[in-house]
Amino acid sequence: MEVVMQTIYPTSLTPNQYAEQEYHKQVKAPINCPNCQRAHTLGALAYYERYITTATVLVLLIWVRRFLCRHCRISVSCLPEFAQPYRPVNTPTVEEGFNGQVTAQVARRSELIGCYWDRFETHLPLLLREVGNAFGPLPLQPTAKDFWHQLIEACGDLGSATRQLIDQFHTCLFGTYRCHQRRQPLQAA
């Protein structure tokens, strides 16, 4: 059984630029393994396909880079910052929708963005137990809107917020997924 972890790879590229430049081939391994924290142990492994929405096409196929830790044998995928875990709508469009902006992208994806907000509200109690006041003091009974504004103010944007939630707290806005949890090293067969 292969154990996979996911991390968010910082990039200023749009999904279109990432695909056009075949940027997945340029993604560098994180310095430290997100599982065992050892430095310089990740080696190139493979790529996997992922679909993401863009401003110019309905859905774009991108490739996500994967690495394998030579120490703990965990596979690590580096999801570009413009993509949310397990969500096809790109990060900037989700952020615009959550901020109440009415753009062509948000209008096209409004039903999905509404579902994302519902999932965020459902996950909020567990999320707040995980992060506490790490992003600043919250009201006694914070709403999803309260936490959203605090998170974006503290992190700057949703891409950075997602990276911090995953790296520091092993969760994201929409759920606590297995791929964000640390694992025991695989045993040699």
Protein backbone atom coordinates (compact mmCIF):
# COMPACT_ATOMS: atom_id res chain seq x y z
CA MET A 1 0.00 0.00 0.00
CA GLU A 2 1.36 3.39 -1.00
CA VAL A 3 1.09 6.21 1.53
CA VAL A 4 0.69 9.65 -0.02
CA MET A 5 1.00 13.08 1.54
CA GLN A 6 0.10 16.37 -0.07
CA THR A 7 1.70 19.76 0.33
CA ILE A 8 0.88 23.08 -1.32
CA TYR A 9 3.55 24.34 -3.72
CA PRO A 10 3.84 28.15 -3.84
CA THR A 11 3.60 29.60 -7.33
CA SER A 12 2.54 32.90 -8.85
CA LEU A 13 1.60 31.19 -12.12
CA THR A 14 -1.98 30.87 -13.31
CA PRO A 15 -3.23 27.39 -14.18
CA ASN A 16 -2.86 28.23 -17.89
CA GLN A 17 0.74 29.42 -17.46
CA TYR A 18 1.56 26.36 -15.35
CA ALA A 19 0.21 24.03 -18.07
CA GLU A 20 1.66 25.95 -21.04
CA GLN A 21 5.14 26.12 -19.48
CA GLU A 22 4.95 22.48 -18.35
CA TYR A 23 5.92 23.86 -14.98
CA HIS A 24 5.29 20.52 -13.27
CA LYS A 25 8.69 19.50 -14.70
CA GLN A 26 10.34 22.42 -12.87
CA VAL A 27 8.78 21.84 -9.43
CA LYS A 28 11.54 21.34 -6.88
CA ALA A 29 11.25 18.93 -3.99
CA PRO A 30 10.53 20.50 -0.61
CA ILE A 31 13.74 20.77 1.42
CA ASN A 32 12.23 18.79 4.29
CA CYS A 33 9.94 15.79 3.99
CA PRO A 34 6.54 16.92 5.33
CA ASN A 35 6.18 13.53 7.01
CA CYS A 36 9.49 12.75 8.77
CA GLN A 37 10.91 16.30 8.58
CA ARG A 38 14.31 15.05 7.40
CA ALA A 39 16.18 17.39 5.08
CA HIS A 40 17.15 16.56 1.49
CA THR A 41 15.50 13.11 1.42
CA LEU A 42 12.91 13.65 -1.33
CA GLY A 43 13.67 12.27 -4.78
CA ALA A 44 11.69 12.57 -8.01
CA LEU A 45 8.96 9.93 -8.34
CA ALA A 46 6.20 10.72 -10.86
CA TYR A 47 3.33 13.01 -11.85
CA TYR A 48 -0.43 12.64 -11.67
CA GLU A 49 -3.24 14.31 -13.60
CA ARG A 50 -5.48 16.89 -12.01
CA TYR A 51 -8.26 19.05 -13.45
CA ILE A 52 -8.65 22.73 -12.56
CA THR A 53 -10.93 25.51 -13.77
CA THR A 54 -9.47 28.57 -15.49
CA ALA A 55 -10.61 31.94 -16.84
CA THR A 56 -10.22 30.86 -20.48
CA VAL A 57 -11.31 27.21 -20.59
CA LEU A 58 -13.93 25.37 -18.57
CA VAL A 59 -11.52 22.75 -17.25
CA LEU A 60 -7.78 22.39 -17.74
CA LEU A 61 -5.67 19.28 -17.26
CA ILE A 62 -2.50 19.92 -15.26
CA TRP A 63 0.15 17.57 -13.92
CA VAL A 64 1.11 17.50 -10.25
CA ARG A 65 4.68 16.58 -9.24
CA ARG A 66 5.32 13.77 -6.77
CA PHE A 67 8.42 12.90 -4.78
CA LEU A 68 9.42 9.94 -2.62
CA CYS A 69 11.19 10.27 0.71
CA ARG A 70 14.23 7.99 0.82
CA HIS A 71 13.97 7.82 4.61
CA CYS A 72 10.29 7.23 5.47
CA ARG A 73 9.21 6.00 1.98
CA ILE A 74 6.21 8.37 1.90
CA SER A 75 5.11 9.79 -1.46
CA VAL A 76 4.64 13.58 -1.42
CA SER A 77 2.58 15.42 -4.03
CA CYS A 78 3.14 19.17 -4.55
CA LEU A 79 -0.24 20.67 -5.42
CA PRO A 80 0.16 24.13 -7.00
CA GLU A 81 -1.11 26.96 -4.81
CA PHE A 82 -3.81 27.88 -7.35
CA ALA A 83 -5.53 24.53 -6.67
CA GLN A 84 -7.53 23.56 -3.60
CA PRO A 85 -7.31 19.98 -2.28
CA TYR A 86 -10.03 17.82 -3.84
CA ARG A 87 -11.74 20.83 -5.47
CA PRO A 88 -11.75 21.61 -9.23
CA VAL A 89 -12.49 25.36 -8.91
CA ASN A 90 -9.22 27.32 -8.82
CA THR A 91 -8.17 29.05 -5.60
CA PRO A 92 -8.54 32.69 -6.76
CA THR A 93 -12.11 32.01 -7.94
CA VAL A 94 -13.02 30.32 -4.64
CA GLU A 95 -11.57 33.31 -2.78
CA GLU A 96 -13.52 35.79 -4.93
CA GLY A 97 -16.71 33.82 -4.34
CA PHE A 98 -16.16 33.58 -0.59
CA ASN A 99 -15.52 37.35 -0.54
CA GLY A 100 -18.84 37.96 -2.29
CA GLN A 101 -17.29 39.31 -5.48
CA VAL A 102 -19.38 38.89 -8.60
CA THR A 103 -17.04 38.03 -11.47
CA ALA A 104 -17.63 36.00 -14.61
CA GLN A 105 -15.65 33.12 -13.08
CA VAL A 106 -17.65 33.20 -9.84
CA ALA A 107 -20.93 33.39 -11.76
CA ARG A 108 -19.95 30.33 -13.84
CA ARG A 109 -19.02 28.36 -10.72
CA SER A 110 -21.51 29.80 -8.21
CA GLU A 111 -23.21 26.47 -7.47
CA LEU A 112 -19.90 24.74 -6.71
CA ILE A 113 -18.63 27.69 -4.68
CA GLY A 114 -21.86 27.58 -2.67
CA CYS A 115 -21.25 23.88 -1.99
CA TYR A 116 -17.69 24.70 -0.95
CA TRP A 117 -18.96 27.31 1.52
CA ASP A 118 -21.43 24.77 2.96
CA ARG A 119 -18.59 22.26 3.38
CA PHE A 120 -16.45 24.95 5.05
CA GLU A 121 -19.29 25.78 7.49
CA THR A 122 -19.75 22.09 8.30
CA HIS A 123 -16.01 21.62 8.91
CA LEU A 124 -15.65 24.86 10.91
CA PRO A 125 -16.12 23.45 14.46
CA LEU A 126 -13.34 20.87 13.93
CA LEU A 127 -11.19 23.42 12.12
CA LEU A 128 -11.47 25.87 15.01
CA ARG A 129 -10.53 23.15 17.52
CA GLU A 130 -7.41 22.47 15.42
CA VAL A 131 -6.23 26.04 14.84
CA GLY A 132 -7.56 27.86 17.92
CA ASN A 133 -6.49 31.51 17.86
CA ALA A 134 -3.46 30.90 15.63
CA PHE A 135 -4.76 33.47 13.13
CA GLY A 136 -5.78 36.00 15.82
CA PRO A 137 -8.42 36.18 18.54
CA LEU A 138 -11.90 35.13 17.45
CA PRO A 139 -15.33 35.98 18.84
CA LEU A 140 -16.73 33.61 21.45
CA GLN A 141 -18.88 31.79 18.87
CA PRO A 142 -17.29 32.61 15.51
CA THR A 143 -19.20 32.14 12.30
CA ALA A 144 -17.67 30.88 9.07
CA LYS A 145 -17.70 34.49 7.85
CA ASP A 146 -15.82 35.65 10.99
CA PHE A 147 -13.14 32.99 10.60
CA TRP A 148 -12.86 33.50 6.83
CA HIS A 149 -12.15 37.23 7.22
CA GLN A 150 -9.66 36.61 10.03
CA LEU A 151 -7.85 33.90 8.03
CA ILE A 152 -7.52 36.04 4.89
CA GLU A 153 -6.41 39.07 6.89
CA ALA A 154 -3.73 36.99 8.63
CA CYS A 155 -2.52 35.08 5.55
CA GLY A 156 -3.09 37.53 2.71
CA ASP A 157 -4.92 35.17 0.35
CA LEU A 158 -6.51 31.74 0.17
CA GLY A 159 -3.48 30.08 -1.44
CA SER A 160 -1.22 31.11 1.43
CA ALA A 161 -3.92 30.25 3.98
CA THR A 162 -4.35 26.76 2.53
CA ARG A 163 -0.59 26.19 2.61
CA GLN A 164 -0.41 27.28 6.27
CA LEU A 165 -3.43 25.20 7.31
CA ILE A 166 -1.97 22.09 5.71
CA ASP A 167 1.67 22.60 6.76
CA GLN A 168 0.99 23.66 10.36
CA PHE A 169 -2.33 22.03 11.25
CA HIS A 170 -2.71 19.14 8.75
CA THR A 171 -6.17 20.29 7.70
CA CYS A 172 -7.76 22.68 5.19
CA LEU A 173 -10.98 24.70 4.92
CA PHE A 174 -13.05 21.80 3.65
CA GLY A 175 -11.93 18.84 5.74
CA THR A 176 -9.15 16.97 7.45
CA TYR A 177 -7.88 14.57 4.81
CA ARG A 178 -5.60 11.56 5.21
CA CYS A 179 -3.11 12.99 2.69
CA HIS A 180 -2.37 15.88 5.08
CA GLN A 181 -1.64 13.66 8.10
CA ARG A 182 1.79 12.43 9.11
CA ARG A 183 2.28 8.68 8.79
CA GLN A 184 4.45 5.97 10.20
CA PRO A 185 7.23 4.98 7.80
CA LEU A 186 6.40 2.09 5.47
CA GLN A 187 8.01 -1.17 6.47
CA ALA A 188 10.27 -2.87 3.94
CA ALA A 189 8.68 -5.99 2.47
